[in-house]
Amino acid sequence: MFEDNPVQAEDEQAANVNVSPLIDMVFILLIFFIVTTNFNRQTGVDVAKPKAQSATYQGQKTILIGITREGSIHLFGRQVGIERLKHLIAQEVEKQPDASIVIVADRLSVIGKAVEVMDQCALAGARHVSIAADRE
């Protein structure tokens, strides 16, 4: 009885939506964002780095330690204490002996905190420790 009704057959056909072009577009965008994304591990804090004319790029094998203007220390996006920092850096140096450590300190932070962090990194066995700066 319903098969002979042409109005209902058109309604059923109009209700079907082809989503395959949408899925194709989503996959293309996903591939684009994966290819263009930078996967560097950041410090997890927003700091205003000081400027330096001699600033150079350190490469991909870097361990970033952030120091905020308030003096808190951040490693891999988590706040850590100065006591725990030595242990965490020793673990990372064991995994990557040739990795360099870059301290990303806010330009208004206390220099004493950066010296403490550098000392802990040296005690943990890190050979290459530097302080980050933006190029002028």
N, C-alpha and C. Protein backbone atom coordinates (compact mmCIF):
# COMPACT_ATOMS: atom_id res chain seq x y z
N MET A 1 0.81 -1.18 0.00
CA MET A 1 0.00 0.00 0.00
C MET A 1 0.86 1.26 0.00
N PHE A 2 1.95 1.30 0.80
CA PHE A 2 2.81 2.48 0.85
C PHE A 2 3.79 2.52 -0.32
N GLU A 3 4.07 1.39 -0.93
CA GLU A 3 5.02 1.36 -2.03
C GLU A 3 4.49 2.09 -3.26
N ASP A 4 3.20 2.13 -3.44
CA ASP A 4 2.63 2.78 -4.60
C ASP A 4 2.51 4.29 -4.44
N ASN A 5 2.71 4.80 -3.25
CA ASN A 5 2.56 6.22 -3.00
C ASN A 5 3.85 6.94 -3.38
N PRO A 6 3.92 7.72 -4.48
CA PRO A 6 5.16 8.39 -4.92
C PRO A 6 5.60 9.50 -3.97
N VAL A 7 4.70 10.13 -3.24
CA VAL A 7 5.07 11.22 -2.33
C VAL A 7 5.91 10.67 -1.17
N GLN A 8 5.51 9.51 -0.64
CA GLN A 8 6.26 8.93 0.47
C GLN A 8 7.62 8.43 -0.01
N ALA A 9 7.75 7.92 -1.19
CA ALA A 9 9.03 7.45 -1.72
C ALA A 9 10.00 8.62 -1.86
N GLU A 10 9.52 9.81 -2.30
CA GLU A 10 10.38 10.98 -2.41
C GLU A 10 10.82 11.47 -1.03
N ASP A 11 9.92 11.40 -0.03
CA ASP A 11 10.27 11.82 1.33
C ASP A 11 11.36 10.92 1.92
N GLU A 12 11.28 9.63 1.68
CA GLU A 12 12.27 8.70 2.19
C GLU A 12 13.62 8.95 1.52
N GLN A 13 13.62 9.24 0.25
CA GLN A 13 14.86 9.50 -0.46
C GLN A 13 15.48 10.84 -0.04
N ALA A 14 14.68 11.82 0.23
CA ALA A 14 15.18 13.13 0.65
C ALA A 14 15.75 13.08 2.06
N ALA A 15 15.35 12.14 2.87
CA ALA A 15 15.83 12.05 4.24
C ALA A 15 17.24 11.50 4.33
N ASN A 16 17.74 10.85 3.30
CA ASN A 16 19.09 10.30 3.31
C ASN A 16 20.10 11.40 3.00
N VAL A 17 21.10 11.53 3.87
CA VAL A 17 22.15 12.53 3.68
C VAL A 17 23.47 11.78 3.50
N ASN A 18 24.19 12.12 2.46
CA ASN A 18 25.47 11.49 2.19
C ASN A 18 26.55 12.22 2.99
N VAL A 19 27.14 11.54 3.99
CA VAL A 19 28.14 12.17 4.85
C VAL A 19 29.57 11.81 4.46
N SER A 20 29.75 11.02 3.44
CA SER A 20 31.11 10.63 3.07
C SER A 20 31.99 11.81 2.64
N PRO A 21 31.49 12.83 1.93
CA PRO A 21 32.36 13.99 1.65
C PRO A 21 32.77 14.72 2.94
N LEU A 22 31.88 14.78 3.91
CA LEU A 22 32.20 15.42 5.17
C LEU A 22 33.29 14.64 5.91
N ILE A 23 33.18 13.33 5.92
CA ILE A 23 34.19 12.49 6.57
C ILE A 23 35.53 12.64 5.86
N ASP A 24 35.52 12.67 4.54
CA ASP A 24 36.76 12.88 3.78
C ASP A 24 37.41 14.21 4.16
N MET A 25 36.62 15.24 4.26
CA MET A 25 37.15 16.56 4.60
C MET A 25 37.73 16.58 6.01
N VAL A 26 37.08 15.92 6.95
CA VAL A 26 37.58 15.85 8.32
C VAL A 26 38.92 15.13 8.36
N PHE A 27 39.06 14.04 7.64
CA PHE A 27 40.34 13.33 7.61
C PHE A 27 41.45 14.15 6.95
N ILE A 28 41.13 14.89 5.91
CA ILE A 28 42.12 15.75 5.27
C ILE A 28 42.58 16.83 6.24
N LEU A 29 41.65 17.44 6.96
CA LEU A 29 42.03 18.45 7.95
C LEU A 29 42.86 17.85 9.08
N LEU A 30 42.49 16.66 9.51
CA LEU A 30 43.23 15.98 10.57
C LEU A 30 44.67 15.71 10.14
N ILE A 31 44.84 15.22 8.93
CA ILE A 31 46.18 14.96 8.41
C ILE A 31 46.98 16.25 8.31
N PHE A 32 46.34 17.33 7.85
CA PHE A 32 47.01 18.62 7.74
C PHE A 32 47.51 19.09 9.10
N PHE A 33 46.67 19.02 10.12
CA PHE A 33 47.07 19.50 11.44
C PHE A 33 48.13 18.62 12.08
N ILE A 34 48.09 17.33 11.82
CA ILE A 34 49.12 16.44 12.36
C ILE A 34 50.47 16.74 11.73
N VAL A 35 50.47 16.97 10.43
CA VAL A 35 51.73 17.22 9.72
C VAL A 35 52.32 18.58 10.11
N THR A 36 51.50 19.58 10.34
CA THR A 36 52.01 20.93 10.60
C THR A 36 52.19 21.25 12.08
N THR A 37 51.81 20.36 12.97
CA THR A 37 51.92 20.63 14.40
C THR A 37 53.35 20.46 14.87
N ASN A 38 53.77 21.32 15.76
CA ASN A 38 55.09 21.25 16.37
C ASN A 38 54.94 20.51 17.69
N PHE A 39 55.65 19.40 17.86
CA PHE A 39 55.48 18.55 19.04
C PHE A 39 56.59 18.76 20.07
N ASN A 40 57.16 19.95 20.15
CA ASN A 40 58.16 20.21 21.18
C ASN A 40 57.51 20.20 22.54
N ARG A 41 58.24 19.65 23.51
CA ARG A 41 57.73 19.69 24.87
C ARG A 41 58.01 21.07 25.44
N GLN A 42 56.97 21.72 25.90
CA GLN A 42 57.11 23.07 26.44
C GLN A 42 57.13 23.02 27.95
N THR A 43 57.39 24.16 28.55
CA THR A 43 57.51 24.21 30.00
C THR A 43 56.16 24.18 30.70
N GLY A 44 55.11 24.58 30.04
CA GLY A 44 53.79 24.59 30.65
C GLY A 44 53.45 25.90 31.33
N VAL A 45 54.34 26.87 31.27
CA VAL A 45 54.07 28.18 31.86
C VAL A 45 54.38 29.25 30.83
N ASP A 46 53.72 30.38 30.98
CA ASP A 46 53.93 31.49 30.07
C ASP A 46 54.95 32.44 30.68
N VAL A 47 56.09 32.57 30.03
CA VAL A 47 57.15 33.44 30.53
C VAL A 47 57.55 34.42 29.43
N ALA A 48 58.02 35.59 29.85
CA ALA A 48 58.55 36.58 28.92
C ALA A 48 60.07 36.47 28.97
N LYS A 49 60.64 35.82 27.96
CA LYS A 49 62.09 35.58 27.94
C LYS A 49 62.85 36.88 27.69
N PRO A 50 64.05 36.98 28.25
CA PRO A 50 64.87 38.16 27.96
C PRO A 50 65.37 38.12 26.52
N LYS A 51 65.83 39.24 26.03
CA LYS A 51 66.34 39.35 24.66
C LYS A 51 67.87 39.26 24.66
N ALA A 52 68.43 38.63 23.63
CA ALA A 52 69.88 38.54 23.48
C ALA A 52 70.23 38.45 22.01
N GLN A 53 71.26 39.13 21.60
CA GLN A 53 71.69 39.10 20.20
C GLN A 53 72.37 37.79 19.85
N SER A 54 72.94 37.12 20.83
CA SER A 54 73.68 35.89 20.57
C SER A 54 72.84 34.63 20.78
N ALA A 55 71.52 34.75 20.89
CA ALA A 55 70.65 33.59 21.11
C ALA A 55 70.71 32.66 19.90
N THR A 56 70.84 31.34 20.17
CA THR A 56 70.91 30.34 19.11
C THR A 56 69.91 29.24 19.39
N TYR A 57 69.53 28.52 18.34
CA TYR A 57 68.59 27.40 18.45
C TYR A 57 69.33 26.18 18.98
N GLN A 58 68.76 25.47 19.95
CA GLN A 58 69.43 24.34 20.60
C GLN A 58 69.07 22.99 19.98
N GLY A 59 68.06 22.90 19.15
CA GLY A 59 67.70 21.64 18.53
C GLY A 59 66.54 20.95 19.23
N GLN A 60 66.26 19.73 18.79
CA GLN A 60 65.10 18.99 19.27
C GLN A 60 65.34 18.27 20.59
N LYS A 61 66.56 17.90 20.90
CA LYS A 61 66.84 17.12 22.10
C LYS A 61 67.07 18.04 23.29
N THR A 62 66.04 18.78 23.66
CA THR A 62 66.17 19.70 24.78
C THR A 62 65.16 19.36 25.85
N ILE A 63 65.55 19.58 27.08
CA ILE A 63 64.67 19.46 28.23
C ILE A 63 64.45 20.88 28.73
N LEU A 64 63.20 21.31 28.73
CA LEU A 64 62.89 22.69 29.09
C LEU A 64 62.44 22.77 30.54
N ILE A 65 63.03 23.68 31.28
CA ILE A 65 62.65 23.95 32.66
C ILE A 65 62.18 25.40 32.72
N GLY A 66 60.97 25.62 33.17
CA GLY A 66 60.42 26.97 33.24
C GLY A 66 60.51 27.54 34.65
N ILE A 67 60.85 28.82 34.72
CA ILE A 67 60.85 29.54 35.99
C ILE A 67 59.98 30.79 35.81
N THR A 68 58.93 30.90 36.61
CA THR A 68 58.04 32.05 36.52
C THR A 68 58.63 33.23 37.27
N ARG A 69 58.02 34.39 37.10
CA ARG A 69 58.52 35.57 37.81
C ARG A 69 58.32 35.46 39.31
N GLU A 70 57.38 34.59 39.73
CA GLU A 70 57.18 34.36 41.17
C GLU A 70 58.21 33.39 41.73
N GLY A 71 58.94 32.68 40.85
CA GLY A 71 59.98 31.76 41.30
C GLY A 71 59.59 30.30 41.31
N SER A 72 58.40 29.95 40.81
CA SER A 72 58.03 28.53 40.76
C SER A 72 58.70 27.86 39.57
N ILE A 73 59.05 26.59 39.74
CA ILE A 73 59.79 25.81 38.74
C ILE A 73 58.83 24.82 38.09
N HIS A 74 58.87 24.74 36.77
CA HIS A 74 57.97 23.86 36.02
C HIS A 74 58.79 22.98 35.08
N LEU A 75 58.48 21.68 35.10
CA LEU A 75 59.12 20.71 34.22
C LEU A 75 58.05 19.84 33.60
N PHE A 76 57.99 19.77 32.28
CA PHE A 76 57.00 19.00 31.53
C PHE A 76 55.57 19.40 31.90
N GLY A 77 55.36 20.68 32.12
CA GLY A 77 54.02 21.19 32.38
C GLY A 77 53.56 21.04 33.82
N ARG A 78 54.41 20.54 34.70
CA ARG A 78 54.03 20.37 36.12
C ARG A 78 54.97 21.18 36.99
N GLN A 79 54.41 21.73 38.05
CA GLN A 79 55.24 22.48 39.00
C GLN A 79 55.98 21.48 39.88
N VAL A 80 57.28 21.69 40.04
CA VAL A 80 58.10 20.81 40.85
C VAL A 80 58.91 21.65 41.83
N GLY A 81 59.31 21.03 42.91
CA GLY A 81 60.17 21.69 43.87
C GLY A 81 61.62 21.51 43.48
N ILE A 82 62.48 22.33 44.06
CA ILE A 82 63.91 22.28 43.74
C ILE A 82 64.52 20.94 44.15
N GLU A 83 63.97 20.31 45.20
CA GLU A 83 64.48 19.02 45.65
C GLU A 83 64.15 17.91 44.65
N ARG A 84 62.96 17.94 44.12
CA ARG A 84 62.50 16.91 43.16
C ARG A 84 63.12 17.11 41.78
N LEU A 85 63.52 18.31 41.47
CA LEU A 85 64.06 18.63 40.15
C LEU A 85 65.31 17.80 39.85
N LYS A 86 66.19 17.66 40.81
CA LYS A 86 67.43 16.90 40.58
C LYS A 86 67.13 15.46 40.20
N HIS A 87 66.18 14.85 40.89
CA HIS A 87 65.80 13.46 40.60
C HIS A 87 65.21 13.33 39.19
N LEU A 88 64.31 14.24 38.83
CA LEU A 88 63.67 14.18 37.50
C LEU A 88 64.67 14.42 36.38
N ILE A 89 65.58 15.36 36.58
CA ILE A 89 66.60 15.63 35.56
C ILE A 89 67.55 14.45 35.43
N ALA A 90 67.90 13.81 36.54
CA ALA A 90 68.77 12.63 36.48
C ALA A 90 68.12 11.51 35.68
N GLN A 91 66.80 11.33 35.82
CA GLN A 91 66.09 10.33 35.03
C GLN A 91 66.13 10.67 33.55
N GLU A 92 65.92 11.92 33.21
CA GLU A 92 65.92 12.32 31.81
C GLU A 92 67.32 12.23 31.20
N VAL A 93 68.34 12.57 31.96
CA VAL A 93 69.72 12.49 31.45
C VAL A 93 70.10 11.03 31.24
N GLU A 94 69.58 10.15 32.07
CA GLU A 94 69.84 8.72 31.89
C GLU A 94 69.23 8.21 30.58
N LYS A 95 68.03 8.71 30.24
CA LYS A 95 67.37 8.31 28.99
C LYS A 95 68.06 8.93 27.78
N GLN A 96 68.44 10.22 27.90
CA GLN A 96 69.05 10.96 26.79
C GLN A 96 70.33 11.63 27.27
N PRO A 97 71.45 10.94 27.26
CA PRO A 97 72.70 11.53 27.80
C PRO A 97 73.18 12.76 27.04
N ASP A 98 72.86 12.88 25.76
CA ASP A 98 73.34 14.02 24.98
C ASP A 98 72.34 15.17 24.92
N ALA A 99 71.25 15.07 25.67
CA ALA A 99 70.24 16.13 25.66
C ALA A 99 70.75 17.37 26.37
N SER A 100 70.36 18.51 25.86
CA SER A 100 70.73 19.77 26.52
C SER A 100 69.53 20.27 27.32
N ILE A 101 69.82 20.95 28.39
CA ILE A 101 68.78 21.50 29.26
C ILE A 101 68.74 23.00 29.05
N VAL A 102 67.53 23.50 28.82
CA VAL A 102 67.35 24.93 28.61
C VAL A 102 66.42 25.45 29.71
N ILE A 103 66.91 26.43 30.44
CA ILE A 103 66.11 27.07 31.48
C ILE A 103 65.39 28.25 30.85
N VAL A 104 64.07 28.20 30.86
CA VAL A 104 63.25 29.26 30.29
C VAL A 104 62.72 30.08 31.46
N ALA A 105 63.48 31.11 31.82
CA ALA A 105 63.13 31.94 32.98
C ALA A 105 62.50 33.24 32.52
N ASP A 106 61.52 33.69 33.26
CA ASP A 106 60.92 34.98 33.00
C ASP A 106 61.96 36.06 33.22
N ARG A 107 61.93 37.10 32.41
CA ARG A 107 62.95 38.15 32.52
C ARG A 107 62.87 38.92 33.83
N LEU A 108 61.74 38.81 34.54
CA LEU A 108 61.59 39.48 35.83
C LEU A 108 61.80 38.53 37.01
N SER A 109 62.20 37.29 36.74
CA SER A 109 62.42 36.34 37.83
C SER A 109 63.76 36.64 38.51
N VAL A 110 63.90 36.10 39.70
CA VAL A 110 65.12 36.31 40.49
C VAL A 110 66.22 35.42 39.92
N ILE A 111 67.40 35.98 39.70
CA ILE A 111 68.51 35.23 39.10
C ILE A 111 68.97 34.10 40.01
N GLY A 112 68.78 34.26 41.30
CA GLY A 112 69.18 33.21 42.25
C GLY A 112 68.44 31.90 42.00
N LYS A 113 67.19 31.97 41.58
CA LYS A 113 66.42 30.75 41.31
C LYS A 113 66.99 30.04 40.09
N ALA A 114 67.40 30.78 39.08
CA ALA A 114 68.01 30.17 37.89
C ALA A 114 69.34 29.52 38.24
N VAL A 115 70.10 30.13 39.13
CA VAL A 115 71.38 29.55 39.56
C VAL A 115 71.13 28.25 40.33
N GLU A 116 70.10 28.23 41.19
CA GLU A 116 69.75 27.00 41.91
C GLU A 116 69.38 25.88 40.94
N VAL A 117 68.59 26.22 39.93
CA VAL A 117 68.17 25.22 38.94
C VAL A 117 69.38 24.71 38.16
N MET A 118 70.27 25.61 37.76
CA MET A 118 71.48 25.19 37.04
C MET A 118 72.34 24.27 37.90
N ASP A 119 72.44 24.58 39.19
CA ASP A 119 73.21 23.76 40.11
C ASP A 119 72.62 22.36 40.23
N GLN A 120 71.30 22.27 40.38
CA GLN A 120 70.64 20.97 40.49
C GLN A 120 70.81 20.15 39.21
N CYS A 121 70.77 20.82 38.06
CA CYS A 121 70.96 20.12 36.78
C CYS A 121 72.39 19.57 36.68
N ALA A 122 73.36 20.36 37.11
CA ALA A 122 74.75 19.90 37.08
C ALA A 122 74.95 18.72 38.04
N LEU A 123 74.34 18.79 39.21
CA LEU A 123 74.44 17.69 40.17
C LEU A 123 73.75 16.42 39.66
N ALA A 124 72.75 16.59 38.80
CA ALA A 124 72.03 15.44 38.22
C ALA A 124 72.79 14.81 37.06
N GLY A 125 73.89 15.44 36.62
CA GLY A 125 74.69 14.86 35.55
C GLY A 125 74.50 15.49 34.19
N ALA A 126 73.77 16.58 34.11
CA ALA A 126 73.56 17.25 32.83
C ALA A 126 74.83 17.98 32.41
N ARG A 127 75.22 17.82 31.14
CA ARG A 127 76.44 18.43 30.65
C ARG A 127 76.21 19.77 29.96
N HIS A 128 75.05 19.94 29.34
CA HIS A 128 74.76 21.16 28.58
C HIS A 128 73.56 21.86 29.19
N VAL A 129 73.80 22.91 29.93
CA VAL A 129 72.73 23.69 30.56
C VAL A 129 72.86 25.13 30.08
N SER A 130 71.75 25.70 29.60
CA SER A 130 71.77 27.07 29.13
C SER A 130 70.47 27.76 29.52
N ILE A 131 70.46 29.08 29.36
CA ILE A 131 69.29 29.88 29.67
C ILE A 131 68.71 30.40 28.36
N ALA A 132 67.39 30.28 28.21
CA ALA A 132 66.72 30.69 26.97
C ALA A 132 66.60 32.19 26.88
N ALA A 133 66.66 32.68 25.64
CA ALA A 133 66.46 34.10 25.37
C ALA A 133 65.88 34.22 23.95
N ASP A 134 65.12 35.27 23.73
CA ASP A 134 64.62 35.56 22.39
C ASP A 134 65.68 36.38 21.67
N ARG A 135 65.82 36.15 20.37
CA ARG A 135 66.79 36.88 19.58
C ARG A 135 66.29 38.30 19.34
N GLU A 136 67.17 39.26 19.49
CA GLU A 136 66.78 40.67 19.27
C GLU A 136 66.62 40.96 17.81
